[in-house]
Amino acid sequence: MLKKVIHTTLLLSMTAGLAACSSGTAEKQVQPSNEQPKESQKAVESQKPTSEKVKIVFSQGADQTEGTKKLVAAFQAKHPNIEVEVREFPNDSSQMHDQLVTILGVKSAEVDVVNLDVVWPAEFAQAGFILPLDRLIKDDNVDTSKYLKGGIDAGYFNGQQWALPRYNNAGLLYYRKDLVKEVPKTWDDLLKQAEQLKGQGGTKYGFVTQAKQYEGLAVGFTEFVSSYGGKIIDEKGNVSVNSPEALKALKKLVQIAKSPAVPSNLNTFTEKETLNAFIEGSAVFARHWPALYAQANDPKVSKVVGNVGIAPLPAGDARSAAALGGWLAAINKYSKHPKEAWEFLKFAVSPEGEKIIAVNSTQTPTYLPLFDDADVQKASPLFASRDFVNGLGSAIPRTITPQYAKISGVIQIEVSKAITGEQTPEQTLTNLESQIKQAINK
């Protein structure tokens, strides 16, 4: 069964530090809270549900599918006394991060359940923005062992569980099966094929990826560094970004970004531009997340239906490395209705809730048994694909630290300068080493 494959191939390969595409910028880095989490936990436990109708607000990025609407409808059918308003934030996770920090930083109760990028829980927990969930999980017998370990670990910080995973993903290599005869195994192979195949089959580009100065660039940099055997911060907490391995990785990233195989304006590409280029038939290869698969095979929007291949990202000198992405749900510490907020959060991550999102939004579920569900597999063949499982198996963590937003912001700025030629890769790593140390020391 695919479930067994995922347990052995995926869970054992993902470490406790796994974390999602995206994070906040440095400007809104939050400060630690001196309040004790146990006190806020007691507030949840002491609140008694009311028979009167209660309204809670669920905040997340804009959902262009019917998934969230159906999730809310299914929940309210079970809980008619709880009305759920969906508050949509920008899909740019950096902007969403900063807006949430602004709201929670003034102890506002205007949102109750919040979607968090997988790299945010430690930051929000240390700041005192969200409630610990351990007692609630125990009392309601939520079996976290049935979820992707990386997603669970991403919501765990300082000995407590602060968030639960809703959907996770990892970077994948997409390619045109009608043009590519042999899937590239290394970044050198990819670059060679991208330059050779550019222009064939109506394509304009050999390769597209995310290179704009935003979290997507930090993700790409992390993937390259790991694939060449480097680390941004090592296991002991030491800043190790200025290494020979990281230098080779950055030089390869810059080489690809300046290659004639990619768009001349690659430094403006986010997930949206990458997706559009691939489904319009303009690119031979693309680095993207699992959500692209369904759209690339939708005849209503895609010109490459039937010719979409997926594979793990190419390897550097050390391995193939893909950043684990996705979103978790947490409860605003200042919510006036934490019991009702927990009921909605619990439903959102339940088998029923995650199935609704998997089937209607094609987001990768984190509840493991769903990978054996016929409806889920029908919604996206990706969920039953061994190639997809292998791609997830190459997932690597982004550092789980309260300073992640600051570190990511530094990476975005400095690596962008290297890509545009404003500074050398050597100077970039020197700058990163210095600034990341400052961020951690603060």
Protein backbone atom coordinates (compact mmCIF):
# COMPACT_ATOMS: atom_id res chain seq x y z
CA MET A 1 0.00 0.00 0.00
CA LEU A 2 1.08 3.53 -0.71
CA LYS A 3 0.65 4.35 2.98
CA LYS A 4 3.51 1.98 3.82
CA VAL A 5 5.66 3.51 1.13
CA ILE A 6 5.07 6.96 2.57
CA HIS A 7 5.81 5.80 6.09
CA THR A 8 9.13 4.29 5.07
CA THR A 9 10.21 6.55 2.25
CA LEU A 10 8.88 9.85 3.49
CA LEU A 11 8.59 9.97 7.23
CA LEU A 12 11.96 8.43 7.97
CA SER A 13 13.63 10.84 5.58
CA MET A 14 12.16 14.01 7.08
CA THR A 15 13.75 15.50 10.16
CA ALA A 16 12.24 17.49 12.97
CA GLY A 17 13.19 20.80 11.40
CA LEU A 18 11.09 20.49 8.30
CA ALA A 19 9.30 23.60 7.31
CA ALA A 20 6.93 25.62 3.74
CA CYS A 21 7.38 27.56 1.00
CA SER A 22 7.34 30.97 2.38
CA SER A 23 7.97 33.13 5.35
CA GLY A 24 7.88 36.69 6.52
CA THR A 25 10.19 39.56 5.94
CA ALA A 26 12.68 40.93 8.39
CA GLU A 27 10.89 44.22 9.02
CA LYS A 28 8.14 42.61 11.08
CA GLN A 29 10.29 40.28 13.16
CA VAL A 30 8.38 39.79 16.41
CA GLN A 31 9.70 39.97 19.93
CA PRO A 32 9.47 37.26 22.59
CA SER A 33 6.65 37.35 25.11
CA ASN A 34 7.22 37.09 28.83
CA GLU A 35 3.76 35.63 29.43
CA GLN A 36 3.51 32.00 30.49
CA PRO A 37 1.90 29.66 27.90
CA LYS A 38 0.26 27.56 30.62
CA GLU A 39 -1.88 30.52 31.63
CA SER A 40 -3.27 30.89 28.12
CA GLN A 41 -3.83 27.12 27.99
CA LYS A 42 -5.96 27.37 31.12
CA ALA A 43 -8.03 30.08 29.44
CA VAL A 44 -8.99 27.64 26.68
CA GLU A 45 -9.74 24.82 29.05
CA SER A 46 -11.86 26.96 31.37
CA GLN A 47 -14.03 28.47 28.67
CA LYS A 48 -17.34 26.66 28.44
CA PRO A 49 -18.99 26.23 25.04
CA THR A 50 -22.14 28.28 24.66
CA SER A 51 -25.40 27.28 23.02
CA GLU A 52 -25.62 30.73 21.51
CA LYS A 53 -24.30 31.26 18.02
CA VAL A 54 -20.66 32.31 18.01
CA LYS A 55 -18.72 33.80 15.12
CA ILE A 56 -15.04 33.04 14.60
CA VAL A 57 -12.68 34.31 11.91
CA PHE A 58 -10.34 32.01 10.01
CA SER A 59 -7.46 33.75 8.23
CA GLN A 60 -5.50 32.32 5.32
CA GLY A 61 -4.20 33.21 1.88
CA ALA A 62 -6.76 33.62 -0.90
CA ASP A 63 -8.15 30.27 -2.10
CA GLN A 64 -9.06 30.29 -5.78
CA THR A 65 -10.70 26.86 -5.50
CA GLU A 66 -13.91 25.71 -3.82
CA GLY A 67 -11.99 23.87 -1.11
CA THR A 68 -12.25 26.38 1.73
CA LYS A 69 -15.92 27.11 1.06
CA LYS A 70 -16.75 23.41 1.21
CA LEU A 71 -14.61 22.96 4.33
CA VAL A 72 -16.47 25.72 6.14
CA ALA A 73 -19.87 24.45 4.95
CA ALA A 74 -19.12 20.93 6.18
CA PHE A 75 -17.97 22.24 9.55
CA GLN A 76 -20.98 24.49 10.06
CA ALA A 77 -23.30 21.60 9.18
CA LYS A 78 -21.82 19.76 12.19
CA HIS A 79 -21.60 22.88 14.37
CA PRO A 80 -24.60 25.10 13.54
CA ASN A 81 -23.86 27.32 16.54
CA ILE A 82 -20.43 28.29 15.17
CA GLU A 83 -20.30 30.65 12.21
CA VAL A 84 -16.97 30.80 10.38
CA GLU A 85 -15.92 33.89 8.47
CA VAL A 86 -12.96 33.44 6.14
CA ARG A 87 -10.57 36.41 6.14
CA GLU A 88 -8.31 36.23 3.09
CA PHE A 89 -4.79 37.61 3.15
CA PRO A 90 -2.36 38.14 0.26
CA ASN A 91 -0.92 34.91 -1.16
CA ASP A 92 2.50 36.55 -0.88
CA SER A 93 3.45 34.94 2.41
CA SER A 94 5.80 37.75 3.35
CA GLN A 95 2.92 40.22 3.20
CA MET A 96 0.64 37.84 5.05
CA HIS A 97 3.27 37.37 7.76
CA ASP A 98 3.63 41.10 8.31
CA GLN A 99 -0.12 41.67 8.44
CA LEU A 100 -0.58 38.90 11.01
CA VAL A 101 2.28 40.30 13.11
CA THR A 102 0.61 43.71 13.03
CA ILE A 103 -2.73 42.25 14.15
CA LEU A 104 -1.41 39.92 16.83
CA GLY A 105 1.23 42.38 17.98
CA VAL A 106 -1.47 44.63 19.41
CA LYS A 107 -3.26 41.65 21.02
CA SER A 108 -6.19 41.94 18.63
CA ALA A 109 -8.94 39.32 18.69
CA GLU A 110 -10.08 40.07 15.14
CA VAL A 111 -8.91 36.64 13.92
CA ASP A 112 -9.31 33.35 15.78
CA VAL A 113 -7.73 30.56 13.72
CA VAL A 114 -4.70 31.45 11.62
CA ASN A 115 -2.94 29.63 8.82
CA LEU A 116 0.80 29.70 9.44
CA ASP A 117 3.57 29.00 6.99
CA VAL A 118 5.54 26.03 8.31
CA VAL A 119 8.47 28.26 9.27
CA TRP A 120 6.43 30.63 11.45
CA PRO A 121 5.26 28.62 14.51
CA ALA A 122 8.48 29.04 16.51
CA GLU A 123 8.46 32.79 15.93
CA PHE A 124 4.77 33.22 16.77
CA ALA A 125 5.02 30.93 19.79
CA GLN A 126 7.98 32.77 21.29
CA ALA A 127 6.19 36.07 20.73
CA GLY A 128 3.18 34.81 22.68
CA PHE A 129 0.82 35.12 19.70
CA ILE A 130 -0.61 31.58 19.66
CA LEU A 131 -1.93 29.03 22.14
CA PRO A 132 -0.26 25.70 22.97
CA LEU A 133 -2.40 22.79 21.83
CA ASP A 134 -0.99 19.84 23.81
CA ARG A 135 -3.80 19.46 26.34
CA LEU A 136 -6.47 19.92 23.67
CA ILE A 137 -4.82 17.30 21.46
CA LYS A 138 -4.66 14.86 24.37
CA ASP A 139 -8.20 15.47 25.61
CA ASP A 140 -9.71 15.00 22.13
CA ASN A 141 -7.49 12.03 21.23
CA VAL A 142 -5.97 13.57 18.11
CA ASP A 143 -3.50 10.91 16.92
CA THR A 144 -0.57 12.94 15.62
CA SER A 145 1.31 9.75 14.69
CA LYS A 146 -0.96 9.43 11.64
CA TYR A 147 0.25 12.73 10.19
CA LEU A 148 3.37 13.59 8.25
CA LYS A 149 6.07 13.78 10.87
CA GLY A 150 7.67 16.81 9.26
CA GLY A 151 4.41 18.73 9.44
CA ILE A 152 3.89 17.86 13.08
CA ASP A 153 7.48 18.73 13.94
CA ALA A 154 7.17 22.09 12.16
CA GLY A 155 4.52 23.08 14.71
CA TYR A 156 6.58 21.91 17.70
CA PHE A 157 8.81 24.36 19.55
CA ASN A 158 10.35 24.58 22.99
CA GLY A 159 8.68 21.41 24.22
CA GLN A 160 5.13 22.19 23.11
CA GLN A 161 2.87 21.73 20.09
CA TRP A 162 1.69 25.10 18.84
CA ALA A 163 0.19 24.27 15.45
CA LEU A 164 -1.09 21.28 13.46
CA PRO A 165 -0.44 20.63 9.76
CA ARG A 166 -3.19 21.19 7.21
CA TYR A 167 -1.26 20.41 4.03
CA ASN A 168 2.39 20.00 3.18
CA ASN A 169 4.36 19.84 -0.03
CA ALA A 170 7.87 19.92 -1.43
CA GLY A 171 9.56 21.33 -4.48
CA LEU A 172 9.40 19.17 -7.63
CA LEU A 173 10.88 19.24 -11.11
CA TYR A 174 8.25 19.41 -13.84
CA TYR A 175 9.18 18.58 -17.42
CA ARG A 176 7.67 18.11 -20.85
CA LYS A 177 7.47 14.39 -21.50
CA ASP A 178 7.13 14.99 -25.24
CA LEU A 179 10.49 16.82 -25.31
CA VAL A 180 12.59 15.30 -22.55
CA LYS A 181 13.96 11.85 -23.28
CA GLU A 182 16.01 11.43 -20.11
CA VAL A 183 15.13 13.23 -16.89
CA PRO A 184 18.15 15.25 -15.69
CA LYS A 185 19.65 13.90 -12.49
CA THR A 186 21.93 16.86 -11.66
CA TRP A 187 21.75 20.63 -11.99
CA ASP A 188 24.48 20.46 -14.62
CA ASP A 189 22.38 18.00 -16.62
CA LEU A 190 19.35 20.24 -16.29
CA LEU A 191 21.19 23.32 -17.49
CA LYS A 192 22.61 21.44 -20.47
CA GLN A 193 19.25 20.05 -21.53
CA ALA A 194 17.45 23.36 -20.88
CA GLU A 195 19.81 25.16 -23.26
CA GLN A 196 19.54 22.42 -25.89
CA LEU A 197 15.76 22.01 -25.80
CA LYS A 198 14.82 25.67 -25.56
CA GLY A 199 12.68 26.56 -28.59
CA GLN A 200 11.52 23.03 -29.29
CA GLY A 201 7.82 22.19 -29.16
CA GLY A 202 6.84 25.85 -29.18
CA THR A 203 8.77 26.65 -26.00
CA LYS A 204 10.44 29.98 -25.27
CA TYR A 205 12.45 28.89 -22.24
CA GLY A 206 14.39 25.85 -21.19
CA PHE A 207 13.80 26.33 -17.46
CA VAL A 208 11.72 28.53 -15.17
CA THR A 209 11.81 28.89 -11.40
CA GLN A 210 11.22 31.41 -8.63
CA ALA A 211 13.96 34.06 -8.53
CA LYS A 212 12.18 37.23 -7.41
CA GLN A 213 13.36 38.82 -4.16
CA TYR A 214 10.85 37.10 -1.87
CA GLU A 215 10.62 33.88 0.15
CA GLY A 216 10.71 31.75 -2.99
CA LEU A 217 14.28 32.87 -3.59
CA ALA A 218 15.27 31.94 -0.04
CA VAL A 219 13.72 28.51 -0.62
CA GLY A 220 15.67 28.06 -3.85
CA PHE A 221 18.91 29.10 -2.21
CA THR A 222 18.30 26.63 0.63
CA GLU A 223 17.69 23.83 -1.85
CA PHE A 224 20.85 24.56 -3.82
CA VAL A 225 23.03 24.85 -0.72
CA SER A 226 21.75 21.57 0.65
CA SER A 227 22.11 19.78 -2.68
CA TYR A 228 25.82 20.68 -2.72
CA GLY A 229 26.33 19.53 0.86
CA GLY A 230 26.25 22.89 2.62
CA LYS A 231 24.19 24.29 5.47
CA ILE A 232 23.03 27.77 6.39
CA ILE A 233 23.08 26.94 10.11
CA ASP A 234 24.53 23.65 11.32
CA GLU A 235 23.14 21.23 13.91
CA LYS A 236 24.94 23.04 16.74
CA GLY A 237 23.42 26.38 15.83
CA ASN A 238 26.57 27.75 14.21
CA VAL A 239 26.25 29.92 11.11
CA SER A 240 27.95 27.89 8.38
CA VAL A 241 26.66 29.56 5.23
CA ASN A 242 30.11 30.86 4.17
CA SER A 243 31.50 27.48 3.10
CA PRO A 244 33.01 26.00 -0.07
CA GLU A 245 29.87 23.93 -0.56
CA ALA A 246 27.56 26.93 -0.28
CA LEU A 247 29.80 28.92 -2.63
CA LYS A 248 29.61 26.24 -5.29
CA ALA A 249 25.84 26.10 -4.84
CA LEU A 250 25.40 29.85 -5.16
CA LYS A 251 27.61 29.99 -8.23
CA LYS A 252 25.46 27.29 -9.85
CA LEU A 253 22.29 29.19 -8.96
CA VAL A 254 23.70 32.38 -10.47
CA GLN A 255 24.87 30.49 -13.57
CA ILE A 256 21.39 29.14 -14.15
CA ALA A 257 19.75 32.52 -13.54
CA LYS A 258 22.03 34.12 -16.14
CA SER A 259 21.71 31.28 -18.66
CA PRO A 260 20.11 31.96 -22.06
CA ALA A 261 17.82 29.03 -21.23
CA VAL A 262 15.81 31.08 -18.71
CA PRO A 263 13.69 34.23 -19.17
CA SER A 264 15.70 37.44 -19.16
CA ASN A 265 13.41 38.68 -16.38
CA LEU A 266 13.65 35.56 -14.23
CA ASN A 267 14.27 37.80 -11.22
CA THR A 268 10.57 38.80 -11.43
CA PHE A 269 9.28 35.20 -11.35
CA THR A 270 7.21 33.91 -8.43
CA GLU A 271 5.12 30.71 -8.38
CA LYS A 272 2.47 32.42 -10.51
CA GLU A 273 4.78 33.36 -13.38
CA THR A 274 6.43 29.94 -13.25
CA LEU A 275 3.08 28.17 -13.42
CA ASN A 276 1.83 30.30 -16.29
CA ALA A 277 4.96 29.74 -18.36
CA PHE A 278 4.75 25.98 -17.96
CA ILE A 279 1.01 25.46 -18.56
CA GLU A 280 1.13 27.81 -21.56
CA GLY A 281 3.71 25.51 -23.12
CA SER A 282 6.50 28.08 -22.92
CA ALA A 283 8.93 26.09 -20.74
CA VAL A 284 10.59 22.70 -20.98
CA PHE A 285 11.41 22.43 -17.27
CA ALA A 286 9.96 24.13 -14.18
CA ARG A 287 10.64 24.03 -10.47
CA HIS A 288 7.35 24.28 -8.62
CA TRP A 289 5.17 22.82 -5.86
CA PRO A 290 2.71 19.89 -6.18
CA ALA A 291 -0.28 22.19 -6.76
CA LEU A 292 0.96 22.83 -10.31
CA TYR A 293 0.28 19.25 -11.36
CA ALA A 294 -3.50 19.45 -11.43
CA GLN A 295 -3.54 22.75 -13.31
CA ALA A 296 -0.99 21.53 -15.82
CA ASN A 297 -3.33 18.62 -16.61
CA ASP A 298 -6.51 20.70 -16.76
CA PRO A 299 -7.54 21.10 -20.43
CA LYS A 300 -9.42 24.28 -19.54
CA VAL A 301 -6.23 26.17 -18.73
CA SER A 302 -3.27 24.09 -19.88
CA LYS A 303 -1.68 23.50 -23.28
CA VAL A 304 0.53 20.65 -22.06
CA VAL A 305 -2.11 18.17 -20.86
CA GLY A 306 -0.82 14.61 -21.12
CA ASN A 307 2.80 15.71 -21.44
CA VAL A 308 3.52 16.57 -17.82
CA GLY A 309 6.28 14.67 -16.07
CA ILE A 310 7.44 15.03 -12.46
CA ALA A 311 10.66 14.07 -10.74
CA PRO A 312 12.76 14.95 -7.70
CA LEU A 313 14.72 18.17 -8.07
CA PRO A 314 18.16 17.70 -9.65
CA ALA A 315 21.08 16.90 -7.38
CA GLY A 316 24.23 18.88 -6.71
CA ASP A 317 27.42 17.22 -5.55
CA ALA A 318 25.73 15.75 -2.48
CA ARG A 319 22.09 14.93 -3.14
CA SER A 320 18.70 16.01 -4.41
CA ALA A 321 17.19 18.49 -1.98
CA ALA A 322 13.72 20.01 -1.94
CA ALA A 323 12.41 22.40 0.69
CA LEU A 324 9.34 21.11 2.46
CA GLY A 325 6.49 23.57 2.20
CA GLY A 326 2.95 23.88 3.41
CA TRP A 327 0.72 25.42 6.05
CA LEU A 328 -0.30 24.74 9.62
CA ALA A 329 -3.22 25.98 11.68
CA ALA A 330 -2.95 27.68 15.07
CA ILE A 331 -5.19 29.58 17.49
CA ASN A 332 -4.77 33.27 18.23
CA LYS A 333 -3.90 33.59 21.92
CA TYR A 334 -6.17 36.63 22.16
CA SER A 335 -9.22 34.94 20.61
CA LYS A 336 -12.41 35.52 22.58
CA HIS A 337 -13.67 32.11 21.48
CA PRO A 338 -10.75 29.66 21.82
CA LYS A 339 -12.99 26.60 22.36
CA GLU A 340 -14.86 27.24 19.12
CA ALA A 341 -11.59 28.07 17.39
CA TRP A 342 -10.20 24.69 18.49
CA GLU A 343 -13.29 22.90 17.17
CA PHE A 344 -12.72 24.44 13.74
CA LEU A 345 -8.97 23.81 13.77
CA LYS A 346 -9.55 20.21 14.82
CA PHE A 347 -12.03 19.72 11.98
CA ALA A 348 -9.73 21.35 9.42
CA VAL A 349 -6.95 18.85 10.17
CA SER A 350 -9.29 15.88 10.62
CA PRO A 351 -9.52 13.14 7.98
CA GLU A 352 -12.76 14.67 6.70
CA GLY A 353 -11.40 18.22 6.63
CA GLU A 354 -8.14 17.32 4.95
CA LYS A 355 -9.96 15.16 2.40
CA ILE A 356 -12.19 18.09 1.44
CA ILE A 357 -9.12 20.23 0.78
CA ALA A 358 -7.25 17.44 -1.02
CA VAL A 359 -10.18 16.67 -3.33
CA ASN A 360 -11.29 20.24 -4.03
CA SER A 361 -8.04 22.22 -3.77
CA THR A 362 -5.56 19.43 -4.66
CA GLN A 363 -3.42 20.38 -1.67
CA THR A 364 -1.30 17.49 -0.43
CA PRO A 365 -2.88 16.04 2.72
CA THR A 366 -0.84 15.49 5.86
CA TYR A 367 -3.11 12.76 7.27
CA LEU A 368 -1.33 9.66 5.99
CA PRO A 369 -4.26 7.26 5.45
CA LEU A 370 -5.71 9.67 2.88
CA PHE A 371 -3.00 8.68 0.39
CA ASP A 372 -4.85 5.34 0.11
CA ASP A 373 -8.25 7.00 -0.35
CA ALA A 374 -9.72 6.40 -3.81
CA ASP A 375 -11.37 9.84 -3.97
CA VAL A 376 -8.12 11.57 -3.05
CA GLN A 377 -6.17 9.59 -5.65
CA LYS A 378 -8.84 10.39 -8.22
CA ALA A 379 -8.61 14.11 -7.45
CA SER A 380 -4.94 14.11 -8.39
CA PRO A 381 -2.97 11.13 -9.70
CA LEU A 382 -0.05 12.89 -8.06
CA PHE A 383 -1.17 11.56 -4.68
CA ALA A 384 -0.74 7.96 -5.88
CA SER A 385 2.48 8.59 -7.81
CA ARG A 386 5.71 6.96 -6.68
CA ASP A 387 7.59 9.79 -8.39
CA PHE A 388 5.73 12.22 -6.17
CA VAL A 389 6.55 10.21 -3.07
CA ASN A 390 10.21 10.13 -4.12
CA GLY A 391 10.11 13.88 -4.61
CA LEU A 392 8.72 14.39 -1.11
CA GLY A 393 11.36 12.00 0.16
CA SER A 394 14.07 14.49 -0.81
CA ALA A 395 12.58 17.19 1.42
CA ILE A 396 15.02 19.12 3.59
CA PRO A 397 14.32 21.38 6.57
CA ARG A 398 14.54 25.10 6.76
CA THR A 399 15.81 26.16 10.13
CA ILE A 400 13.10 26.19 12.78
CA THR A 401 14.01 29.28 14.73
CA PRO A 402 12.17 32.35 16.02
CA GLN A 403 14.59 34.38 13.88
CA TYR A 404 13.64 32.67 10.62
CA ALA A 405 11.82 35.69 9.20
CA LYS A 406 14.87 37.90 9.74
CA ILE A 407 17.25 35.29 8.29
CA SER A 408 15.02 34.72 5.28
CA GLY A 409 14.81 38.45 4.61
CA VAL A 410 18.60 38.71 4.64
CA ILE A 411 18.93 35.79 2.23
CA GLN A 412 16.38 37.28 -0.14
CA ILE A 413 18.22 40.59 -0.37
CA GLU A 414 21.77 39.26 -0.63
CA VAL A 415 21.09 36.38 -3.04
CA SER A 416 19.06 38.71 -5.26
CA LYS A 417 22.11 40.97 -5.52
CA ALA A 418 24.21 38.01 -6.61
CA ILE A 419 21.70 37.02 -9.28
CA THR A 420 21.50 40.53 -10.72
CA GLY A 421 25.29 40.88 -10.66
CA GLU A 422 25.41 43.65 -8.05
CA GLN A 423 27.91 41.62 -6.03
CA THR A 424 29.95 38.45 -6.35
CA PRO A 425 28.90 35.13 -4.82
CA GLU A 426 31.90 35.40 -2.48
CA GLN A 427 30.79 38.80 -1.17
CA THR A 428 27.23 37.52 -0.89
CA LEU A 429 28.22 34.70 1.45
CA THR A 430 30.42 37.00 3.52
CA ASN A 431 27.48 39.35 3.95
CA LEU A 432 25.14 36.50 4.78
CA GLU A 433 27.46 35.11 7.42
CA SER A 434 27.75 38.46 9.16
CA GLN A 435 24.07 39.38 9.01
CA ILE A 436 22.74 35.96 10.02
CA LYS A 437 25.03 35.98 13.05
CA GLN A 438 23.66 39.39 14.01
CA ALA A 439 20.09 38.12 13.64
CA ILE A 440 20.73 35.11 15.87
CA ASN A 441 22.60 37.10 18.49
CA LYS A 442 19.71 39.54 18.81
